[in-house]
Structures are given as structure tokens and as C-alpha cells.
PDB file of N, CA and C in Angstrom:
ATOM      1  N   MET A   1      -9.095 -35.451 -30.671  1.00  0.00           N
ATOM      2  CA  MET A   1     -10.312 -35.686 -31.405  1.00  0.00           C
ATOM      3  C   MET A   1     -10.675 -37.171 -31.295  1.00  0.00           C
ATOM      4  N   GLU A   2     -11.919 -37.425 -31.013  1.00  0.00           N
ATOM      5  CA  GLU A   2     -12.374 -38.802 -30.840  1.00  0.00           C
ATOM      6  C   GLU A   2     -12.540 -39.483 -32.194  1.00  0.00           C
ATOM      7  N   ARG A   3     -12.008 -40.681 -32.302  1.00  0.00           N
ATOM      8  CA  ARG A   3     -12.070 -41.429 -33.560  1.00  0.00           C
ATOM      9  C   ARG A   3     -13.500 -41.797 -33.931  1.00  0.00           C
ATOM     10  N   LEU A   4     -14.345 -41.997 -32.928  1.00  0.00           N
ATOM     11  CA  LEU A   4     -15.743 -42.348 -33.190  1.00  0.00           C
ATOM     12  C   LEU A   4     -16.418 -41.262 -34.017  1.00  0.00           C
ATOM     13  N   TYR A   5     -16.205 -40.022 -33.657  1.00  0.00           N
ATOM     14  CA  TYR A   5     -16.876 -38.923 -34.342  1.00  0.00           C
ATOM     15  C   TYR A   5     -16.289 -38.674 -35.728  1.00  0.00           C
ATOM     16  N   VAL A   6     -15.007 -38.907 -35.899  1.00  0.00           N
ATOM     17  CA  VAL A   6     -14.396 -38.791 -37.221  1.00  0.00           C
ATOM     18  C   VAL A   6     -14.940 -39.888 -38.133  1.00  0.00           C
ATOM     19  N   TYR A   7     -15.016 -41.101 -37.617  1.00  0.00           N
ATOM     20  CA  TYR A   7     -15.536 -42.237 -38.374  1.00  0.00           C
ATOM     21  C   TYR A   7     -16.992 -41.998 -38.778  1.00  0.00           C
ATOM     22  N   ASN A   8     -17.828 -41.603 -37.825  1.00  0.00           N
ATOM     23  CA  ASN A   8     -19.237 -41.379 -38.127  1.00  0.00           C
ATOM     24  C   ASN A   8     -19.440 -40.157 -39.013  1.00  0.00           C
ATOM     25  N   GLY A   9     -18.577 -39.158 -38.875  1.00  0.00           N
ATOM     26  CA  GLY A   9     -18.646 -38.015 -39.779  1.00  0.00           C
ATOM     27  C   GLY A   9     -18.326 -38.417 -41.207  1.00  0.00           C
ATOM     28  N   ALA A  10     -17.336 -39.284 -41.379  1.00  0.00           N
ATOM     29  CA  ALA A  10     -16.991 -39.771 -42.714  1.00  0.00           C
ATOM     30  C   ALA A  10     -18.130 -40.597 -43.299  1.00  0.00           C
ATOM     31  N   LEU A  11     -18.761 -41.433 -42.489  1.00  0.00           N
ATOM     32  CA  LEU A  11     -19.910 -42.200 -42.971  1.00  0.00           C
ATOM     33  C   LEU A  11     -21.070 -41.283 -43.352  1.00  0.00           C
ATOM     34  N   SER A  12     -21.261 -40.215 -42.600  1.00  0.00           N
ATOM     35  CA  SER A  12     -22.317 -39.262 -42.931  1.00  0.00           C
ATOM     36  C   SER A  12     -22.039 -38.556 -44.247  1.00  0.00           C
ATOM     37  N   VAL A  13     -20.796 -38.198 -44.482  1.00  0.00           N
ATOM     38  CA  VAL A  13     -20.433 -37.537 -45.740  1.00  0.00           C
ATOM     39  C   VAL A  13     -20.647 -38.487 -46.917  1.00  0.00           C
ATOM     40  N   ILE A  14     -20.301 -39.748 -46.747  1.00  0.00           N
ATOM     41  CA  ILE A  14     -20.529 -40.728 -47.816  1.00  0.00           C
ATOM     42  C   ILE A  14     -22.025 -40.900 -48.056  1.00  0.00           C
ATOM     43  N   GLY A  15     -22.806 -40.962 -46.990  1.00  0.00           N
ATOM     44  CA  GLY A  15     -24.263 -41.058 -47.138  1.00  0.00           C
ATOM     45  C   GLY A  15     -24.852 -39.845 -47.822  1.00  0.00           C
ATOM     46  N   LEU A  16     -24.345 -38.670 -47.490  1.00  0.00           N
ATOM     47  CA  LEU A  16     -24.795 -37.440 -48.132  1.00  0.00           C
ATOM     48  C   LEU A  16     -24.419 -37.438 -49.611  1.00  0.00           C
ATOM     49  N   SER A  17     -23.240 -37.939 -49.918  1.00  0.00           N
ATOM     50  CA  SER A  17     -22.790 -38.000 -51.312  1.00  0.00           C
ATOM     51  C   SER A  17     -23.623 -38.982 -52.133  1.00  0.00           C
ATOM     52  N   LEU A  18     -24.145 -40.002 -51.506  1.00  0.00           N
ATOM     53  CA  LEU A  18     -25.032 -40.933 -52.206  1.00  0.00           C
ATOM     54  C   LEU A  18     -26.455 -40.396 -52.306  1.00  0.00           C
ATOM     55  N   GLY A  19     -26.919 -39.805 -51.224  1.00  0.00           N
ATOM     56  CA  GLY A  19     -28.315 -39.386 -51.161  1.00  0.00           C
ATOM     57  C   GLY A  19     -28.630 -38.094 -51.877  1.00  0.00           C
ATOM     58  N   PHE A  20     -27.721 -37.133 -51.886  1.00  0.00           N
ATOM     59  CA  PHE A  20     -28.004 -35.827 -52.460  1.00  0.00           C
ATOM     60  C   PHE A  20     -28.318 -35.900 -53.960  1.00  0.00           C
ATOM     61  N   PRO A  21     -27.480 -36.558 -54.766  1.00  0.00           N
ATOM     62  CA  PRO A  21     -27.839 -36.653 -56.193  1.00  0.00           C
ATOM     63  C   PRO A  21     -29.126 -37.438 -56.435  1.00  0.00           C
ATOM     64  N   ALA A  22     -29.375 -38.433 -55.608  1.00  0.00           N
ATOM     65  CA  ALA A  22     -30.591 -39.226 -55.768  1.00  0.00           C
ATOM     66  C   ALA A  22     -31.828 -38.399 -55.440  1.00  0.00           C
ATOM     67  N   VAL A  23     -31.746 -37.570 -54.418  1.00  0.00           N
ATOM     68  CA  VAL A  23     -32.874 -36.702 -54.070  1.00  0.00           C
ATOM     69  C   VAL A  23     -33.110 -35.692 -55.186  1.00  0.00           C
ATOM     70  N   ARG A  24     -32.028 -35.166 -55.763  1.00  0.00           N
ATOM     71  CA  ARG A  24     -32.183 -34.245 -56.890  1.00  0.00           C
ATOM     72  C   ARG A  24     -32.879 -34.927 -58.054  1.00  0.00           C
ATOM     73  N   SER A  25     -32.541 -36.186 -58.310  1.00  0.00           N
ATOM     74  CA  SER A  25     -33.193 -36.929 -59.389  1.00  0.00           C
ATOM     75  C   SER A  25     -34.658 -37.184 -59.079  1.00  0.00           C
ATOM     76  N   LEU A  26     -34.959 -37.467 -57.825  1.00  0.00           N
ATOM     77  CA  LEU A  26     -36.359 -37.662 -57.436  1.00  0.00           C
ATOM     78  C   LEU A  26     -37.163 -36.387 -57.641  1.00  0.00           C
ATOM     79  N   ILE A  27     -36.590 -35.258 -57.278  1.00  0.00           N
ATOM     80  CA  ILE A  27     -37.284 -33.980 -57.448  1.00  0.00           C
ATOM     81  C   ILE A  27     -37.502 -33.685 -58.931  1.00  0.00           C
ATOM     82  N   ALA A  28     -36.539 -34.089 -59.764  1.00  0.00           N
ATOM     83  CA  ALA A  28     -36.651 -33.865 -61.207  1.00  0.00           C
ATOM     84  C   ALA A  28     -37.654 -34.815 -61.867  1.00  0.00           C
ATOM     85  N   GLY A  29     -38.123 -35.820 -61.151  1.00  0.00           N
ATOM     86  CA  GLY A  29     -39.150 -36.708 -61.687  1.00  0.00           C
ATOM     87  C   GLY A  29     -38.681 -38.103 -62.033  1.00  0.00           C
ATOM     88  N   ASP A  30     -37.449 -38.445 -61.777  1.00  0.00           N
ATOM     89  CA  ASP A  30     -36.942 -39.790 -62.052  1.00  0.00           C
ATOM     90  C   ASP A  30     -37.245 -40.685 -60.851  1.00  0.00           C
ATOM     91  N   HIS A  31     -38.216 -41.579 -61.015  1.00  0.00           N
ATOM     92  CA  HIS A  31     -38.627 -42.448 -59.913  1.00  0.00           C
ATOM     93  C   HIS A  31     -38.254 -43.893 -60.189  1.00  0.00           C
ATOM     94  N   SER A  32     -37.003 -44.133 -60.553  1.00  0.00           N
ATOM     95  CA  SER A  32     -36.559 -45.494 -60.846  1.00  0.00           C
ATOM     96  C   SER A  32     -36.099 -46.186 -59.560  1.00  0.00           C
ATOM     97  N   ILE A  33     -35.974 -47.480 -59.640  1.00  0.00           N
ATOM     98  CA  ILE A  33     -35.564 -48.288 -58.492  1.00  0.00           C
ATOM     99  C   ILE A  33     -34.161 -47.906 -57.995  1.00  0.00           C
ATOM    100  N   PRO A  34     -33.146 -47.757 -58.864  1.00  0.00           N
ATOM    101  CA  PRO A  34     -31.815 -47.386 -58.362  1.00  0.00           C
ATOM    102  C   PRO A  34     -31.801 -46.039 -57.633  1.00  0.00           C
ATOM    103  N   VAL A  35     -32.564 -45.082 -58.129  1.00  0.00           N
ATOM    104  CA  VAL A  35     -32.616 -43.763 -57.479  1.00  0.00           C
ATOM    105  C   VAL A  35     -33.269 -43.878 -56.103  1.00  0.00           C
ATOM    106  N   LEU A  36     -34.333 -44.645 -56.027  1.00  0.00           N
ATOM    107  CA  LEU A  36     -34.988 -44.835 -54.728  1.00  0.00           C
ATOM    108  C   LEU A  36     -34.076 -45.555 -53.737  1.00  0.00           C
ATOM    109  N   LEU A  37     -33.352 -46.564 -54.216  1.00  0.00           N
ATOM    110  CA  LEU A  37     -32.442 -47.299 -53.332  1.00  0.00           C
ATOM    111  C   LEU A  37     -31.281 -46.425 -52.867  1.00  0.00           C
ATOM    112  N   MET A  38     -30.765 -45.571 -53.752  1.00  0.00           N
ATOM    113  CA  MET A  38     -29.687 -44.660 -53.345  1.00  0.00           C
ATOM    114  C   MET A  38     -30.188 -43.639 -52.331  1.00  0.00           C
ATOM    115  N   THR A  39     -31.414 -43.171 -52.488  1.00  0.00           N
ATOM    116  CA  THR A  39     -31.989 -42.232 -51.528  1.00  0.00           C
ATOM    117  C   THR A  39     -32.142 -42.886 -50.160  1.00  0.00           C
ATOM    118  N   ILE A  40     -32.678 -44.078 -50.147  1.00  0.00           N
ATOM    119  CA  ILE A  40     -32.865 -44.803 -48.882  1.00  0.00           C
ATOM    120  C   ILE A  40     -31.518 -45.151 -48.255  1.00  0.00           C
ATOM    121  N   GLY A  41     -30.576 -45.614 -49.063  1.00  0.00           N
ATOM    122  CA  GLY A  41     -29.254 -45.979 -48.549  1.00  0.00           C
ATOM    123  C   GLY A  41     -28.489 -44.794 -47.994  1.00  0.00           C
ATOM    124  N   GLY A  42     -28.496 -43.665 -48.706  1.00  0.00           N
ATOM    125  CA  GLY A  42     -27.807 -42.470 -48.229  1.00  0.00           C
ATOM    126  C   GLY A  42     -28.419 -41.940 -46.947  1.00  0.00           C
ATOM    127  N   GLY A  43     -29.750 -41.891 -46.908  1.00  0.00           N
ATOM    128  CA  GLY A  43     -30.428 -41.447 -45.684  1.00  0.00           C
ATOM    129  C   GLY A  43     -30.184 -42.391 -44.524  1.00  0.00           C
ATOM    130  N   GLY A  44     -30.173 -43.690 -44.819  1.00  0.00           N
ATOM    131  CA  GLY A  44     -29.909 -44.677 -43.769  1.00  0.00           C
ATOM    132  C   GLY A  44     -28.512 -44.547 -43.197  1.00  0.00           C
ATOM    133  N   MET A  45     -27.533 -44.250 -44.061  1.00  0.00           N
ATOM    134  CA  MET A  45     -26.160 -44.073 -43.570  1.00  0.00           C
ATOM    135  C   MET A  45     -26.060 -42.853 -42.654  1.00  0.00           C
ATOM    136  N   ILE A  46     -26.734 -41.773 -43.017  1.00  0.00           N
ATOM    137  CA  ILE A  46     -26.692 -40.561 -42.198  1.00  0.00           C
ATOM    138  C   ILE A  46     -27.366 -40.807 -40.854  1.00  0.00           C
ATOM    139  N   VAL A  47     -28.534 -41.426 -40.878  1.00  0.00           N
ATOM    140  CA  VAL A  47     -29.267 -41.686 -39.630  1.00  0.00           C
ATOM    141  C   VAL A  47     -28.507 -42.669 -38.746  1.00  0.00           C
ATOM    142  N   SER A  48     -27.957 -43.726 -39.323  1.00  0.00           N
ATOM    143  CA  SER A  48     -27.248 -44.711 -38.503  1.00  0.00           C
ATOM    144  C   SER A  48     -25.952 -44.142 -37.932  1.00  0.00           C
ATOM    145  N   ALA A  49     -25.268 -43.278 -38.667  1.00  0.00           N
ATOM    146  CA  ALA A  49     -24.055 -42.660 -38.130  1.00  0.00           C
ATOM    147  C   ALA A  49     -24.403 -41.728 -36.962  1.00  0.00           C
ATOM    148  N   GLY A  50     -25.484 -40.994 -37.096  1.00  0.00           N
ATOM    149  CA  GLY A  50     -25.920 -40.140 -35.987  1.00  0.00           C
ATOM    150  C   GLY A  50     -26.330 -40.944 -34.771  1.00  0.00           C
ATOM    151  N   TYR A  51     -27.067 -42.019 -35.004  1.00  0.00           N
ATOM    152  CA  TYR A  51     -27.493 -42.877 -33.903  1.00  0.00           C
ATOM    153  C   TYR A  51     -26.296 -43.510 -33.200  1.00  0.00           C
ATOM    154  N   GLU A  52     -25.326 -43.986 -33.991  1.00  0.00           N
ATOM    155  CA  GLU A  52     -24.140 -44.598 -33.401  1.00  0.00           C
ATOM    156  C   GLU A  52     -23.324 -43.576 -32.610  1.00  0.00           C
ATOM    157  N   SER A  53     -23.283 -42.337 -33.081  1.00  0.00           N
ATOM    158  CA  SER A  53     -22.563 -41.291 -32.350  1.00  0.00           C
ATOM    159  C   SER A  53     -23.194 -41.028 -30.994  1.00  0.00           C
ATOM    160  N   LEU A  54     -24.516 -41.107 -30.935  1.00  0.00           N
ATOM    161  CA  LEU A  54     -25.213 -40.843 -29.683  1.00  0.00           C
ATOM    162  C   LEU A  54     -25.178 -42.024 -28.719  1.00  0.00           C
ATOM    163  N   ARG A  55     -25.172 -43.243 -29.244  1.00  0.00           N
ATOM    164  CA  ARG A  55     -25.308 -44.425 -28.409  1.00  0.00           C
ATOM    165  C   ARG A  55     -23.995 -45.103 -28.026  1.00  0.00           C
ATOM    166  N   THR A  56     -22.910 -44.810 -28.723  1.00  0.00           N
ATOM    167  CA  THR A  56     -21.642 -45.506 -28.484  1.00  0.00           C
ATOM    168  C   THR A  56     -20.744 -44.657 -27.595  1.00  0.00           C
ATOM    169  N   ASP A  57     -20.087 -45.307 -26.663  1.00  0.00           N
ATOM    170  CA  ASP A  57     -19.121 -44.626 -25.805  1.00  0.00           C
ATOM    171  C   ASP A  57     -17.835 -44.405 -26.593  1.00  0.00           C
ATOM    172  N   PRO A  58     -17.389 -43.150 -26.748  1.00  0.00           N
ATOM    173  CA  PRO A  58     -16.183 -42.890 -27.540  1.00  0.00           C
ATOM    174  C   PRO A  58     -14.932 -43.575 -26.995  1.00  0.00           C
ATOM    175  N   ASP A  59     -14.874 -43.798 -25.694  1.00  0.00           N
ATOM    176  CA  ASP A  59     -13.702 -44.440 -25.109  1.00  0.00           C
ATOM    177  C   ASP A  59     -13.630 -45.926 -25.444  1.00  0.00           C
ATOM    178  N   GLU A  60     -14.764 -46.551 -25.711  1.00  0.00           N
ATOM    179  CA  GLU A  60     -14.792 -47.976 -26.016  1.00  0.00           C
ATOM    180  C   GLU A  60     -14.682 -48.264 -27.514  1.00  0.00           C
ATOM    181  N   PHE A  61     -14.801 -47.233 -28.334  1.00  0.00           N
ATOM    182  CA  PHE A  61     -14.748 -47.424 -29.791  1.00  0.00           C
ATOM    183  C   PHE A  61     -13.309 -47.622 -30.221  1.00  0.00           C
ATOM    184  N   GLU A  62     -13.060 -48.687 -30.999  1.00  0.00           N
ATOM    185  CA  GLU A  62     -11.707 -48.974 -31.470  1.00  0.00           C
ATOM    186  C   GLU A  62     -11.729 -49.151 -32.985  1.00  0.00           C
ATOM    187  N   ILE A  63     -10.800 -48.470 -33.641  1.00  0.00           N
ATOM    188  CA  ILE A  63     -10.615 -48.606 -35.077  1.00  0.00           C
ATOM    189  C   ILE A  63      -9.151 -48.305 -35.366  1.00  0.00           C
ATOM    190  N   SER A  64      -8.581 -49.030 -36.296  1.00  0.00           N
ATOM    191  CA  SER A  64      -7.167 -48.798 -36.599  1.00  0.00           C
ATOM    192  C   SER A  64      -7.004 -47.477 -37.348  1.00  0.00           C
ATOM    193  N   THR A  65      -5.814 -46.935 -37.274  1.00  0.00           N
ATOM    194  CA  THR A  65      -5.527 -45.666 -37.935  1.00  0.00           C
ATOM    195  C   THR A  65      -5.653 -45.793 -39.445  1.00  0.00           C
ATOM    196  N   ALA A  66      -5.184 -46.902 -39.995  1.00  0.00           N
ATOM    197  CA  ALA A  66      -5.262 -47.108 -41.445  1.00  0.00           C
ATOM    198  C   ALA A  66      -6.714 -47.176 -41.919  1.00  0.00           C
ATOM    199  N   THR A  67      -7.554 -47.860 -41.173  1.00  0.00           N
ATOM    200  CA  THR A  67      -8.964 -47.952 -41.540  1.00  0.00           C
ATOM    201  C   THR A  67      -9.639 -46.600 -41.442  1.00  0.00           C
ATOM    202  N   LEU A  68      -9.312 -45.845 -40.414  1.00  0.00           N
ATOM    203  CA  LEU A  68      -9.896 -44.517 -40.261  1.00  0.00           C
ATOM    204  C   LEU A  68      -9.479 -43.606 -41.412  1.00  0.00           C
ATOM    205  N   PHE A  69      -8.207 -43.647 -41.804  1.00  0.00           N
ATOM    206  CA  PHE A  69      -7.749 -42.849 -42.938  1.00  0.00           C
ATOM    207  C   PHE A  69      -8.428 -43.301 -44.234  1.00  0.00           C
ATOM    208  N   ALA A  70      -8.672 -44.592 -44.368  1.00  0.00           N
ATOM    209  CA  ALA A  70      -9.361 -45.096 -45.561  1.00  0.00           C
ATOM    210  C   ALA A  70     -10.786 -44.549 -45.640  1.00  0.00           C
ATOM    211  N   PHE A  71     -11.481 -44.518 -44.501  1.00  0.00           N
ATOM    212  CA  PHE A  71     -12.833 -43.976 -44.486  1.00  0.00           C
ATOM    213  C   PHE A  71     -12.844 -42.483 -44.774  1.00  0.00           C
ATOM    214  N   VAL A  72     -11.916 -41.746 -44.200  1.00  0.00           N
ATOM    215  CA  VAL A  72     -11.839 -40.311 -44.451  1.00  0.00           C
ATOM    216  C   VAL A  72     -11.484 -40.051 -45.916  1.00  0.00           C
ATOM    217  N   GLY A  73     -10.576 -40.835 -46.478  1.00  0.00           N
ATOM    218  CA  GLY A  73     -10.238 -40.697 -47.890  1.00  0.00           C
ATOM    219  C   GLY A  73     -11.418 -41.012 -48.792  1.00  0.00           C
ATOM    220  N   ALA A  74     -12.166 -42.048 -48.459  1.00  0.00           N
ATOM    221  CA  ALA A  74     -13.353 -42.396 -49.239  1.00  0.00           C
ATOM    222  C   ALA A  74     -14.399 -41.291 -49.162  1.00  0.00           C
ATOM    223  N   ALA A  75     -14.544 -40.688 -47.981  1.00  0.00           N
ATOM    224  CA  ALA A  75     -15.499 -39.590 -47.828  1.00  0.00           C
ATOM    225  C   ALA A  75     -15.081 -38.390 -48.672  1.00  0.00           C
ATOM    226  N   CYS A  76     -13.796 -38.084 -48.686  1.00  0.00           N
ATOM    227  CA  CYS A  76     -13.301 -36.963 -49.491  1.00  0.00           C
ATOM    228  C   CYS A  76     -13.511 -37.222 -50.978  1.00  0.00           C
ATOM    229  N   LEU A  77     -13.227 -38.435 -51.429  1.00  0.00           N
ATOM    230  CA  LEU A  77     -13.407 -38.758 -52.839  1.00  0.00           C
ATOM    231  C   LEU A  77     -14.878 -38.760 -53.246  1.00  0.00           C
ATOM    232  N   SER A  78     -15.733 -39.269 -52.403  1.00  0.00           N
ATOM    233  CA  SER A  78     -17.157 -39.279 -52.746  1.00  0.00           C
ATOM    234  C   SER A  78     -17.732 -37.870 -52.743  1.00  0.00           C
ATOM    235  N   LEU A  79     -17.275 -37.035 -51.826  1.00  0.00           N
ATOM    236  CA  LEU A  79     -17.729 -35.646 -51.809  1.00  0.00           C
ATOM    237  C   LEU A  79     -17.221 -34.904 -53.045  1.00  0.00           C
ATOM    238  N   LEU A  80     -15.983 -35.144 -53.428  1.00  0.00           N
ATOM    239  CA  LEU A  80     -15.431 -34.525 -54.629  1.00  0.00           C
ATOM    240  C   LEU A  80     -16.207 -34.966 -55.871  1.00  0.00           C
ATOM    241  N   GLY A  81     -16.530 -36.228 -55.963  1.00  0.00           N
ATOM    242  CA  GLY A  81     -17.306 -36.716 -57.090  1.00  0.00           C
ATOM    243  C   GLY A  81     -18.693 -36.115 -57.149  1.00  0.00           C
ATOM    244  N   THR A  82     -19.328 -35.927 -55.994  1.00  0.00           N
ATOM    245  CA  THR A  82     -20.652 -35.320 -55.960  1.00  0.00           C
ATOM    246  C   THR A  82     -20.587 -33.859 -56.382  1.00  0.00           C
ATOM    247  N   VAL A  83     -19.590 -33.140 -55.892  1.00  0.00           N
ATOM    248  CA  VAL A  83     -19.455 -31.733 -56.254  1.00  0.00           C
ATOM    249  C   VAL A  83     -19.167 -31.590 -57.751  1.00  0.00           C
ATOM    250  N   LEU A  84     -18.281 -32.421 -58.283  1.00  0.00           N
ATOM    251  CA  LEU A  84     -17.954 -32.333 -59.702  1.00  0.00           C
ATOM    252  C   LEU A  84     -19.131 -32.717 -60.592  1.00  0.00           C
ATOM    253  N   SER A  85     -19.955 -33.636 -60.148  1.00  0.00           N
ATOM    254  CA  SER A  85     -21.121 -34.014 -60.947  1.00  0.00           C
ATOM    255  C   SER A  85     -22.232 -32.971 -60.878  1.00  0.00           C
ATOM    256  N   ALA A  86     -22.237 -32.156 -59.832  1.00  0.00           N
ATOM    257  CA  ALA A  86     -23.265 -31.122 -59.678  1.00  0.00           C
ATOM    258  C   ALA A  86     -22.921 -29.853 -60.433  1.00  0.00           C
ATOM    259  N   VAL A  87     -21.645 -29.657 -60.757  1.00  0.00           N
ATOM    260  CA  VAL A  87     -21.220 -28.445 -61.460  1.00  0.00           C
ATOM    261  C   VAL A  87     -21.480 -28.638 -62.954  1.00  0.00           C
ATOM    262  N   PRO A  88     -22.293 -27.767 -63.554  1.00  0.00           N
ATOM    263  CA  PRO A  88     -22.554 -27.932 -64.981  1.00  0.00           C
ATOM    264  C   PRO A  88     -21.343 -27.513 -65.823  1.00  0.00           C
ATOM    265  N   GLY A  89     -21.167 -28.175 -66.932  1.00  0.00           N
ATOM    266  CA  GLY A  89     -20.125 -27.819 -67.870  1.00  0.00           C
ATOM    267  C   GLY A  89     -18.802 -28.529 -67.667  1.00  0.00           C
ATOM    268  N   ILE A  90     -18.729 -29.435 -66.703  1.00  0.00           N
ATOM    269  CA  ILE A  90     -17.474 -30.160 -66.485  1.00  0.00           C
ATOM    270  C   ILE A  90     -17.590 -31.542 -67.058  1.00  0.00           C
TER     271      ILE A  90
END
């Protein structure tokens, strides 16, 4: 498995975890500055990770194993937090 795609997948998950709740708040009518910034930031992370996946040569991409595990762990924690915040009654 190429580390580039794992790294960019983790960044996409973090962007989705930031953007999804913000988009839900926008749909509900909350148009505050923090919500708008989270929407833009989450969308930007998803778009930039996709762009980097398409434009970067996987053989030239270098990242340490510890850093890659940190990004994957952060993606898992942010996804867990988003899921737990979306479930009513918890």
C-alpha cells in the first residue's frame, strides 16, 4: 500500500470530520464565522488531499512511519468524535 494514499486518505477523513458538522449547522441556519471557516477548511482539506494524490508521484513521497501512524490515529479519533456527536442521546 502506498503511503501517499494512506496519508491523503487520513487528511480527507479529518477534513470530512471538520466539514460535515459545519455543513449540518449551515443547513440548520447557523451562519456564524466559525461554522463558515470550518466548512471552508474541511472542504479545502478534502480538495487538497485529492489534488495531491493526483499530482504527486507515490514513489517520491516520503513520510516516516511514526508520522503516518499519527495521522491515521488523528483521523480515527476525529471520525469517532464526529460520529459520537451526530448520535442523539449520548
